[in-house]
């Protein structure tokens, strides 16, 4: 699970649960916490940029130790000018010129819970 990225419409920032993703880490205030959907909290131990591949670069990613999943914030994508489109069988992220940044195939997702695992292809 530590290498899985989930697109999350409910989280306010990109988050990672394992230090290995960061080449460097900037400290944050001592009282910065993330509140989860179940009202539990996780302490933010640092913030930095993360390169997922040569084409996908996330900025201001929070390190929350032992977070169960790595989360891509849909609201952060929208705030940065990207468009997120859900249509039958896919979730697509497009840049301001409507160029496809990445596409998530939803046909491989099964069961009642829906999680989206993105294949990276741009600097976000």
C-alpha atoms as a PDB file:
ATOM      1  CA  UNK A   1       0.000   0.000   0.000  1.00  0.00           C
ATOM      2  CA  UNK A   2       2.914   2.413   0.550  1.00  0.00           C
ATOM      3  CA  UNK A   3       3.425   2.675  -3.226  1.00  0.00           C
ATOM      4  CA  UNK A   4      -0.278   3.113  -4.016  1.00  0.00           C
ATOM      5  CA  UNK A   5      -1.631   6.573  -4.759  1.00  0.00           C
ATOM      6  CA  UNK A   6      -5.334   7.293  -4.340  1.00  0.00           C
ATOM      7  CA  UNK A   7      -7.169  10.259  -5.811  1.00  0.00           C
ATOM      8  CA  UNK A   8      -9.243  11.685  -2.967  1.00  0.00           C
ATOM      9  CA  UNK A   9     -11.995  14.266  -3.347  1.00  0.00           C
ATOM     10  CA  UNK A  10     -12.227  14.704   0.423  1.00  0.00           C
ATOM     11  CA  UNK A  11      -8.648  15.548   1.365  1.00  0.00           C
ATOM     12  CA  UNK A  12      -7.413  19.124   1.295  1.00  0.00           C
ATOM     13  CA  UNK A  13      -3.778  18.396   0.444  1.00  0.00           C
ATOM     14  CA  UNK A  14      -1.539  15.726  -1.041  1.00  0.00           C
ATOM     15  CA  UNK A  15      -0.308  13.359   1.708  1.00  0.00           C
ATOM     16  CA  UNK A  16       2.205  10.540   2.047  1.00  0.00           C
ATOM     17  CA  UNK A  17       2.641   8.055   4.867  1.00  0.00           C
ATOM     18  CA  UNK A  18       6.220   6.907   4.217  1.00  0.00           C
ATOM     19  CA  UNK A  19       9.419   8.963   4.419  1.00  0.00           C
ATOM     20  CA  UNK A  20      11.031   7.134   1.475  1.00  0.00           C
ATOM     21  CA  UNK A  21       9.126   9.290  -1.035  1.00  0.00           C
ATOM     22  CA  UNK A  22      10.938  12.473   0.048  1.00  0.00           C
ATOM     23  CA  UNK A  23      14.494  13.360  -0.957  1.00  0.00           C
ATOM     24  CA  UNK A  24      14.332  16.223   1.564  1.00  0.00           C
ATOM     25  CA  UNK A  25      11.738  17.330   4.072  1.00  0.00           C
ATOM     26  CA  UNK A  26      10.928  20.818   5.367  1.00  0.00           C
ATOM     27  CA  UNK A  27       9.833  20.984   9.012  1.00  0.00           C
ATOM     28  CA  UNK A  28       6.401  22.360   9.907  1.00  0.00           C
ATOM     29  CA  UNK A  29       4.941  23.926  13.032  1.00  0.00           C
ATOM     30  CA  UNK A  30       4.691  21.650  16.041  1.00  0.00           C
ATOM     31  CA  UNK A  31       0.897  21.730  16.031  1.00  0.00           C
ATOM     32  CA  UNK A  32       0.037  20.866  12.442  1.00  0.00           C
ATOM     33  CA  UNK A  33      -2.334  17.904  12.254  1.00  0.00           C
ATOM     34  CA  UNK A  34      -4.476  16.293   9.580  1.00  0.00           C
ATOM     35  CA  UNK A  35      -8.023  15.290  10.526  1.00  0.00           C
ATOM     36  CA  UNK A  36      -9.221  12.143   8.782  1.00  0.00           C
ATOM     37  CA  UNK A  37     -12.739  11.218   7.693  1.00  0.00           C
ATOM     38  CA  UNK A  38     -13.233   9.177  10.875  1.00  0.00           C
ATOM     39  CA  UNK A  39     -12.196  12.248  12.953  1.00  0.00           C
ATOM     40  CA  UNK A  40      -8.885  10.629  13.858  1.00  0.00           C
ATOM     41  CA  UNK A  41      -5.780  12.793  13.571  1.00  0.00           C
ATOM     42  CA  UNK A  42      -2.310  12.396  12.152  1.00  0.00           C
ATOM     43  CA  UNK A  43       0.617  14.704  12.882  1.00  0.00           C
ATOM     44  CA  UNK A  44       2.248  16.382   9.891  1.00  0.00           C
ATOM     45  CA  UNK A  45       5.981  15.761  10.317  1.00  0.00           C
ATOM     46  CA  UNK A  46       7.113  17.755   7.301  1.00  0.00           C
ATOM     47  CA  UNK A  47       6.242  19.073   3.866  1.00  0.00           C
ATOM     48  CA  UNK A  48       8.084  18.843   0.574  1.00  0.00           C
ATOM     49  CA  UNK A  49       7.756  18.157  -3.122  1.00  0.00           C
ATOM     50  CA  UNK A  50       7.621  14.614  -4.417  1.00  0.00           C
ATOM     51  CA  UNK A  51       8.572  13.285  -7.821  1.00  0.00           C
ATOM     52  CA  UNK A  52       6.506  10.221  -8.638  1.00  0.00           C
ATOM     53  CA  UNK A  53       8.048   9.858 -12.091  1.00  0.00           C
ATOM     54  CA  UNK A  54       9.847  11.978 -14.658  1.00  0.00           C
ATOM     55  CA  UNK A  55       6.501  13.554 -15.552  1.00  0.00           C
ATOM     56  CA  UNK A  56       4.624  13.835 -12.257  1.00  0.00           C
ATOM     57  CA  UNK A  57       5.762  16.255  -9.573  1.00  0.00           C
ATOM     58  CA  UNK A  58       3.543  17.102  -6.591  1.00  0.00           C
ATOM     59  CA  UNK A  59       4.264  20.212  -4.507  1.00  0.00           C
ATOM     60  CA  UNK A  60       3.517  20.876  -0.824  1.00  0.00           C
ATOM     61  CA  UNK A  61       3.021  17.200   0.013  1.00  0.00           C
ATOM     62  CA  UNK A  62       2.495  16.494   3.723  1.00  0.00           C
ATOM     63  CA  UNK A  63       4.370  13.644   5.409  1.00  0.00           C
ATOM     64  CA  UNK A  64       1.982  11.996   7.874  1.00  0.00           C
ATOM     65  CA  UNK A  65       3.757   8.968   9.331  1.00  0.00           C
ATOM     66  CA  UNK A  66       2.020   5.618   8.835  1.00  0.00           C
ATOM     67  CA  UNK A  67      -0.799   7.074   6.772  1.00  0.00           C
ATOM     68  CA  UNK A  68      -2.438   4.016   5.222  1.00  0.00           C
ATOM     69  CA  UNK A  69      -2.468   5.404   1.673  1.00  0.00           C
ATOM     70  CA  UNK A  70      -0.738   8.092  -0.321  1.00  0.00           C
ATOM     71  CA  UNK A  71      -3.391  10.630  -1.280  1.00  0.00           C
ATOM     72  CA  UNK A  72      -3.639  12.936  -4.290  1.00  0.00           C
ATOM     73  CA  UNK A  73      -5.983  15.791  -3.416  1.00  0.00           C
ATOM     74  CA  UNK A  74      -8.490  16.490  -6.177  1.00  0.00           C
ATOM     75  CA  UNK A  75      -9.156  19.930  -4.654  1.00  0.00           C
ATOM     76  CA  UNK A  76      -5.431  20.750  -4.885  1.00  0.00           C
ATOM     77  CA  UNK A  77      -5.434  19.743  -8.545  1.00  0.00           C
ATOM     78  CA  UNK A  78      -8.418  22.030  -9.160  1.00  0.00           C
ATOM     79  CA  UNK A  79      -6.787  24.901  -7.241  1.00  0.00           C
ATOM     80  CA  UNK A  80      -3.709  24.564  -9.477  1.00  0.00           C
ATOM     81  CA  UNK A  81      -5.851  24.976 -12.586  1.00  0.00           C
ATOM     82  CA  UNK A  82      -6.287  21.348 -13.563  1.00  0.00           C
ATOM     83  CA  UNK A  83      -9.635  19.882 -14.512  1.00  0.00           C
ATOM     84  CA  UNK A  84     -10.768  16.507 -13.192  1.00  0.00           C
ATOM     85  CA  UNK A  85     -13.376  14.706 -15.285  1.00  0.00           C
ATOM     86  CA  UNK A  86     -15.173  11.527 -14.363  1.00  0.00           C
ATOM     87  CA  UNK A  87     -16.843   9.657 -17.160  1.00  0.00           C
ATOM     88  CA  UNK A  88     -17.828   6.070 -17.777  1.00  0.00           C
ATOM     89  CA  UNK A  89     -14.820   3.881 -17.122  1.00  0.00           C
ATOM     90  CA  UNK A  90     -12.288   6.649 -16.467  1.00  0.00           C
ATOM     91  CA  UNK A  91     -11.142   9.633 -14.461  1.00  0.00           C
ATOM     92  CA  UNK A  92      -9.131  12.139 -16.513  1.00  0.00           C
ATOM     93  CA  UNK A  93      -7.003  15.047 -15.329  1.00  0.00           C
ATOM     94  CA  UNK A  94      -6.399  17.792 -17.876  1.00  0.00           C
ATOM     95  CA  UNK A  95      -4.243  20.907 -17.775  1.00  0.00           C
ATOM     96  CA  UNK A  96      -5.406  24.455 -18.623  1.00  0.00           C
ATOM     97  CA  UNK A  97      -5.014  23.739 -22.363  1.00  0.00           C
ATOM     98  CA  UNK A  98      -7.189  20.622 -21.926  1.00  0.00           C
ATOM     99  CA  UNK A  99      -4.226  18.346 -22.586  1.00  0.00           C
ATOM    100  CA  UNK A 100      -4.533  14.997 -20.826  1.00  0.00           C
ATOM    101  CA  UNK A 101      -2.207  14.899 -17.819  1.00  0.00           C
ATOM    102  CA  UNK A 102      -3.189  11.446 -16.655  1.00  0.00           C
ATOM    103  CA  UNK A 103      -6.035   9.004 -16.927  1.00  0.00           C
ATOM    104  CA  UNK A 104      -7.253   6.519 -14.362  1.00  0.00           C
ATOM    105  CA  UNK A 105      -8.943   3.392 -15.682  1.00  0.00           C
ATOM    106  CA  UNK A 106     -11.980   2.676 -13.513  1.00  0.00           C
ATOM    107  CA  UNK A 107     -12.857  -0.597 -15.198  1.00  0.00           C
ATOM    108  CA  UNK A 108     -10.179  -2.397 -13.171  1.00  0.00           C
ATOM    109  CA  UNK A 109     -11.655  -1.181  -9.879  1.00  0.00           C
ATOM    110  CA  UNK A 110     -14.012  -3.739  -8.387  1.00  0.00           C
ATOM    111  CA  UNK A 111     -16.154  -4.112  -5.300  1.00  0.00           C
ATOM    112  CA  UNK A 112     -18.241  -1.552  -3.426  1.00  0.00           C
ATOM    113  CA  UNK A 113     -15.332   0.742  -2.515  1.00  0.00           C
ATOM    114  CA  UNK A 114     -13.977   2.890  -5.302  1.00  0.00           C
ATOM    115  CA  UNK A 115     -10.385   4.020  -5.205  1.00  0.00           C
ATOM    116  CA  UNK A 116      -8.537   5.524  -8.106  1.00  0.00           C
ATOM    117  CA  UNK A 117      -4.907   4.761  -8.712  1.00  0.00           C
ATOM    118  CA  UNK A 118      -3.326   7.227 -11.106  1.00  0.00           C
ATOM    119  CA  UNK A 119      -0.686   6.592 -13.705  1.00  0.00           C
ATOM    120  CA  UNK A 120       1.473   9.711 -13.575  1.00  0.00           C
ATOM    121  CA  UNK A 121       2.322  11.752 -16.678  1.00  0.00           C
ATOM    122  CA  UNK A 122       2.756  15.436 -15.773  1.00  0.00           C
ATOM    123  CA  UNK A 123       4.085  18.020 -13.324  1.00  0.00           C
ATOM    124  CA  UNK A 124       1.301  18.861 -10.875  1.00  0.00           C
END
